[in-house]
Amino acid sequence: MKVIWSDDADSTFADVIESIEKRFSRKVAIEFMESTFNVIEVIESYPKLYTKVNVKGIKGVHQAVIHPKTSMFYSVGKTHIEILFFWFNRAHLETE
């Protein structure tokens, strides 16, 4: 199944990469990118593999944990998979 990226996914992915580079290194950022694209390859074959979660206002969203601190949220349509956004799990937990 074809994977498309929303504008929010592009933006939040860039934010995650920038944050990783600042806090750690370019090498760690590249490793995160590779992990992300490996997860996307799995999702292409098994779109409903990851847990379905409730996201306010959006039905049928799945959460793929790329790293314990970062998740990717996506939806599965009839013809494509849409990556919706990336989220810093730790930042979310700290604000609750």
N, C-alpha and C. Protein backbone atom coordinates (compact mmCIF):
# COMPACT_ATOMS: atom_id res chain seq x y z
N MET A 1 0.84 -1.17 0.00
CA MET A 1 0.00 0.00 0.00
C MET A 1 0.90 1.24 0.00
N LYS A 2 0.51 2.24 -0.76
CA LYS A 2 1.30 3.47 -0.88
C LYS A 2 1.24 4.28 0.42
N VAL A 3 2.37 4.88 0.78
CA VAL A 3 2.47 5.72 1.97
C VAL A 3 2.63 7.18 1.52
N ILE A 4 1.80 8.05 2.11
CA ILE A 4 1.94 9.48 1.86
C ILE A 4 2.18 10.19 3.19
N TRP A 5 2.81 11.33 3.13
CA TRP A 5 3.11 12.13 4.32
C TRP A 5 2.25 13.39 4.30
N SER A 6 1.63 13.70 5.41
CA SER A 6 0.90 14.96 5.54
C SER A 6 1.93 16.08 5.74
N ASP A 7 1.46 17.32 5.59
CA ASP A 7 2.34 18.46 5.86
C ASP A 7 2.80 18.44 7.31
N ASP A 8 1.90 18.09 8.23
CA ASP A 8 2.26 18.00 9.65
C ASP A 8 3.34 16.93 9.88
N ALA A 9 3.23 15.82 9.17
CA ALA A 9 4.24 14.77 9.31
C ALA A 9 5.60 15.28 8.85
N ASP A 10 5.65 15.97 7.72
CA ASP A 10 6.91 16.53 7.23
C ASP A 10 7.51 17.48 8.27
N SER A 11 6.67 18.36 8.78
CA SER A 11 7.12 19.37 9.73
C SER A 11 7.59 18.77 11.05
N THR A 12 6.78 17.87 11.61
CA THR A 12 7.14 17.30 12.91
C THR A 12 8.33 16.35 12.80
N PHE A 13 8.47 15.66 11.66
CA PHE A 13 9.64 14.81 11.44
C PHE A 13 10.90 15.67 11.39
N ALA A 14 10.84 16.78 10.69
CA ALA A 14 11.98 17.69 10.63
C ALA A 14 12.33 18.22 12.02
N ASP A 15 11.32 18.53 12.82
CA ASP A 15 11.55 19.00 14.19
C ASP A 15 12.26 17.93 15.03
N VAL A 16 11.82 16.69 14.88
CA VAL A 16 12.43 15.58 15.64
C VAL A 16 13.89 15.42 15.23
N ILE A 17 14.15 15.42 13.93
CA ILE A 17 15.53 15.26 13.44
C ILE A 17 16.41 16.40 13.95
N GLU A 18 15.91 17.61 13.87
CA GLU A 18 16.67 18.77 14.34
C GLU A 18 16.97 18.66 15.84
N SER A 19 16.00 18.24 16.61
CA SER A 19 16.18 18.08 18.05
C SER A 19 17.22 17.01 18.37
N ILE A 20 17.15 15.89 17.66
CA ILE A 20 18.12 14.81 17.88
C ILE A 20 19.54 15.28 17.55
N GLU A 21 19.67 15.99 16.43
CA GLU A 21 21.00 16.49 16.05
C GLU A 21 21.56 17.45 17.10
N LYS A 22 20.72 18.32 17.63
CA LYS A 22 21.18 19.29 18.64
C LYS A 22 21.55 18.60 19.95
N ARG A 23 20.73 17.65 20.37
CA ARG A 23 20.95 17.01 21.68
C ARG A 23 21.99 15.90 21.63
N PHE A 24 22.10 15.25 20.47
CA PHE A 24 23.00 14.10 20.39
C PHE A 24 24.02 14.31 19.28
N SER A 25 23.71 13.84 18.07
CA SER A 25 24.64 14.00 16.96
C SER A 25 23.93 13.71 15.65
N ARG A 26 24.60 14.05 14.57
CA ARG A 26 24.07 13.75 13.22
C ARG A 26 23.93 12.23 13.06
N LYS A 27 24.89 11.48 13.57
CA LYS A 27 24.86 10.03 13.46
C LYS A 27 23.60 9.45 14.12
N VAL A 28 23.26 9.93 15.29
CA VAL A 28 22.06 9.45 16.00
C VAL A 28 20.82 9.84 15.22
N ALA A 29 20.81 11.03 14.63
CA ALA A 29 19.67 11.47 13.81
C ALA A 29 19.49 10.55 12.60
N ILE A 30 20.59 10.19 11.97
CA ILE A 30 20.52 9.29 10.81
C ILE A 30 19.99 7.92 11.24
N GLU A 31 20.44 7.44 12.39
CA GLU A 31 19.93 6.16 12.90
C GLU A 31 18.42 6.23 13.15
N PHE A 32 17.95 7.35 13.67
CA PHE A 32 16.51 7.53 13.88
C PHE A 32 15.77 7.53 12.54
N MET A 33 16.31 8.22 11.55
CA MET A 33 15.68 8.24 10.23
C MET A 33 15.59 6.83 9.65
N GLU A 34 16.68 6.06 9.78
CA GLU A 34 16.68 4.68 9.28
C GLU A 34 15.62 3.85 10.00
N SER A 35 15.53 4.01 11.30
CA SER A 35 14.50 3.28 12.07
C SER A 35 13.11 3.66 11.60
N THR A 36 12.89 4.95 11.36
CA THR A 36 11.59 5.42 10.89
C THR A 36 11.23 4.78 9.56
N PHE A 37 12.17 4.80 8.62
CA PHE A 37 11.87 4.24 7.30
C PHE A 37 11.73 2.71 7.35
N ASN A 38 12.40 2.05 8.27
CA ASN A 38 12.18 0.61 8.46
C ASN A 38 10.77 0.33 8.96
N VAL A 39 10.30 1.14 9.89
CA VAL A 39 8.93 0.98 10.40
C VAL A 39 7.93 1.24 9.27
N ILE A 40 8.18 2.24 8.46
CA ILE A 40 7.27 2.54 7.34
C ILE A 40 7.21 1.37 6.37
N GLU A 41 8.35 0.73 6.11
CA GLU A 41 8.35 -0.46 5.23
C GLU A 41 7.48 -1.57 5.80
N VAL A 42 7.54 -1.77 7.10
CA VAL A 42 6.71 -2.79 7.75
C VAL A 42 5.24 -2.41 7.61
N ILE A 43 4.93 -1.15 7.83
CA ILE A 43 3.54 -0.68 7.75
C ILE A 43 2.98 -0.86 6.34
N GLU A 44 3.83 -0.69 5.33
CA GLU A 44 3.37 -0.89 3.95
C GLU A 44 2.83 -2.30 3.75
N SER A 45 3.45 -3.28 4.39
CA SER A 45 3.01 -4.67 4.26
C SER A 45 1.94 -5.05 5.27
N TYR A 46 2.01 -4.47 6.46
CA TYR A 46 1.07 -4.79 7.55
C TYR A 46 0.53 -3.50 8.15
N PRO A 47 -0.39 -2.83 7.44
CA PRO A 47 -0.85 -1.50 7.85
C PRO A 47 -1.48 -1.44 9.24
N LYS A 48 -2.09 -2.50 9.68
CA LYS A 48 -2.79 -2.46 10.96
C LYS A 48 -2.00 -3.12 12.10
N LEU A 49 -0.71 -3.29 11.89
CA LEU A 49 0.15 -3.95 12.86
C LEU A 49 0.21 -3.20 14.19
N TYR A 50 0.32 -1.89 14.12
CA TYR A 50 0.50 -1.10 15.34
C TYR A 50 -0.83 -0.76 16.00
N THR A 51 -0.76 -0.45 17.27
CA THR A 51 -1.93 -0.20 18.11
C THR A 51 -2.77 0.97 17.60
N LYS A 52 -4.07 0.76 17.61
CA LYS A 52 -5.01 1.84 17.30
C LYS A 52 -5.17 2.68 18.55
N VAL A 53 -5.16 3.99 18.38
CA VAL A 53 -5.29 4.91 19.52
C VAL A 53 -6.34 5.96 19.22
N ASN A 54 -6.82 6.60 20.26
CA ASN A 54 -7.78 7.70 20.10
C ASN A 54 -7.03 9.02 20.02
N VAL A 55 -7.20 9.70 18.92
CA VAL A 55 -6.65 11.03 18.75
C VAL A 55 -7.84 11.94 18.50
N LYS A 56 -7.97 12.95 19.30
CA LYS A 56 -9.14 13.84 19.24
C LYS A 56 -9.43 14.29 17.81
N GLY A 57 -10.62 13.98 17.36
CA GLY A 57 -11.07 14.42 16.05
C GLY A 57 -10.66 13.56 14.87
N ILE A 58 -9.87 12.53 15.10
CA ILE A 58 -9.41 11.68 14.00
C ILE A 58 -9.68 10.22 14.36
N LYS A 59 -10.39 9.52 13.49
CA LYS A 59 -10.68 8.11 13.73
C LYS A 59 -9.66 7.23 13.01
N GLY A 60 -9.47 6.03 13.56
CA GLY A 60 -8.63 5.04 12.90
C GLY A 60 -7.16 5.36 12.86
N VAL A 61 -6.65 5.97 13.92
CA VAL A 61 -5.24 6.34 13.97
C VAL A 61 -4.45 5.24 14.67
N HIS A 62 -3.29 4.94 14.12
CA HIS A 62 -2.39 3.95 14.71
C HIS A 62 -1.13 4.66 15.21
N GLN A 63 -0.55 4.12 16.28
CA GLN A 63 0.67 4.68 16.85
C GLN A 63 1.80 3.67 16.74
N ALA A 64 2.84 4.06 16.03
CA ALA A 64 4.05 3.24 15.92
C ALA A 64 5.14 3.92 16.74
N VAL A 65 5.63 3.23 17.76
CA VAL A 65 6.71 3.78 18.57
C VAL A 65 8.02 3.53 17.83
N ILE A 66 8.65 4.61 17.40
CA ILE A 66 9.91 4.51 16.66
C ILE A 66 11.06 4.34 17.65
N HIS A 67 10.96 5.05 18.74
CA HIS A 67 11.95 5.05 19.82
C HIS A 67 11.14 5.31 21.08
N PRO A 68 11.58 4.86 22.24
CA PRO A 68 10.78 5.08 23.45
C PRO A 68 10.34 6.54 23.65
N LYS A 69 11.08 7.46 23.07
CA LYS A 69 10.73 8.88 23.24
C LYS A 69 9.97 9.48 22.06
N THR A 70 9.80 8.74 20.97
CA THR A 70 9.17 9.30 19.78
C THR A 70 8.24 8.30 19.10
N SER A 71 7.04 8.77 18.77
CA SER A 71 6.07 7.93 18.06
C SER A 71 5.67 8.58 16.74
N MET A 72 5.22 7.73 15.84
CA MET A 72 4.68 8.18 14.56
C MET A 72 3.20 7.78 14.54
N PHE A 73 2.35 8.70 14.16
CA PHE A 73 0.92 8.42 14.08
C PHE A 73 0.52 8.41 12.62
N TYR A 74 -0.30 7.42 12.26
CA TYR A 74 -0.71 7.27 10.86
C TYR A 74 -2.12 6.71 10.78
N SER A 75 -2.74 6.91 9.61
CA SER A 75 -4.07 6.36 9.37
C SER A 75 -4.02 5.48 8.13
N VAL A 76 -4.93 4.52 8.10
CA VAL A 76 -4.98 3.56 6.99
C VAL A 76 -6.26 3.81 6.22
N GLY A 77 -6.12 4.16 4.96
CA GLY A 77 -7.27 4.34 4.08
C GLY A 77 -7.43 3.14 3.17
N LYS A 78 -8.35 3.25 2.23
CA LYS A 78 -8.58 2.15 1.30
C LYS A 78 -7.46 2.03 0.27
N THR A 79 -6.87 3.16 -0.09
CA THR A 79 -5.86 3.15 -1.15
C THR A 79 -4.46 3.54 -0.70
N HIS A 80 -4.36 4.09 0.51
CA HIS A 80 -3.05 4.55 0.97
C HIS A 80 -2.99 4.61 2.50
N ILE A 81 -1.78 4.76 2.97
CA ILE A 81 -1.50 4.99 4.39
C ILE A 81 -0.99 6.42 4.49
N GLU A 82 -1.54 7.18 5.42
CA GLU A 82 -1.09 8.56 5.58
C GLU A 82 -0.38 8.73 6.92
N ILE A 83 0.86 9.15 6.85
CA ILE A 83 1.58 9.49 8.07
C ILE A 83 1.09 10.86 8.48
N LEU A 84 0.56 10.95 9.71
CA LEU A 84 -0.08 12.17 10.17
C LEU A 84 0.88 13.13 10.87
N PHE A 85 1.64 12.61 11.84
CA PHE A 85 2.58 13.45 12.59
C PHE A 85 3.46 12.58 13.47
N PHE A 86 4.53 13.20 13.97
CA PHE A 86 5.44 12.57 14.92
C PHE A 86 5.27 13.28 16.26
N TRP A 87 5.54 12.56 17.34
CA TRP A 87 5.28 13.10 18.67
C TRP A 87 6.38 12.67 19.62
N PHE A 88 6.87 13.63 20.42
CA PHE A 88 7.82 13.31 21.48
C PHE A 88 7.03 12.75 22.65
N ASN A 89 7.12 11.47 22.90
CA ASN A 89 6.36 10.83 23.98
C ASN A 89 6.71 11.43 25.33
N ARG A 90 7.95 11.66 25.56
CA ARG A 90 8.40 12.19 26.85
C ARG A 90 7.83 13.58 27.10
N ALA A 91 7.83 14.42 26.09
CA ALA A 91 7.29 15.78 26.25
C ALA A 91 5.82 15.71 26.63
N HIS A 92 5.11 14.78 26.00
CA HIS A 92 3.68 14.61 26.31
C HIS A 92 3.50 14.17 27.75
N LEU A 93 4.29 13.24 28.19
CA LEU A 93 4.16 12.73 29.55
C LEU A 93 4.49 13.78 30.59
N GLU A 94 5.44 14.64 30.28
CA GLU A 94 5.86 15.66 31.22
C GLU A 94 4.79 16.75 31.40
N THR A 95 3.90 16.91 30.42
CA THR A 95 2.90 17.96 30.52
C THR A 95 1.62 17.47 31.18
N GLU A 96 1.50 16.18 31.40
CA GLU A 96 0.28 15.64 32.01
C GLU A 96 0.32 15.78 33.52
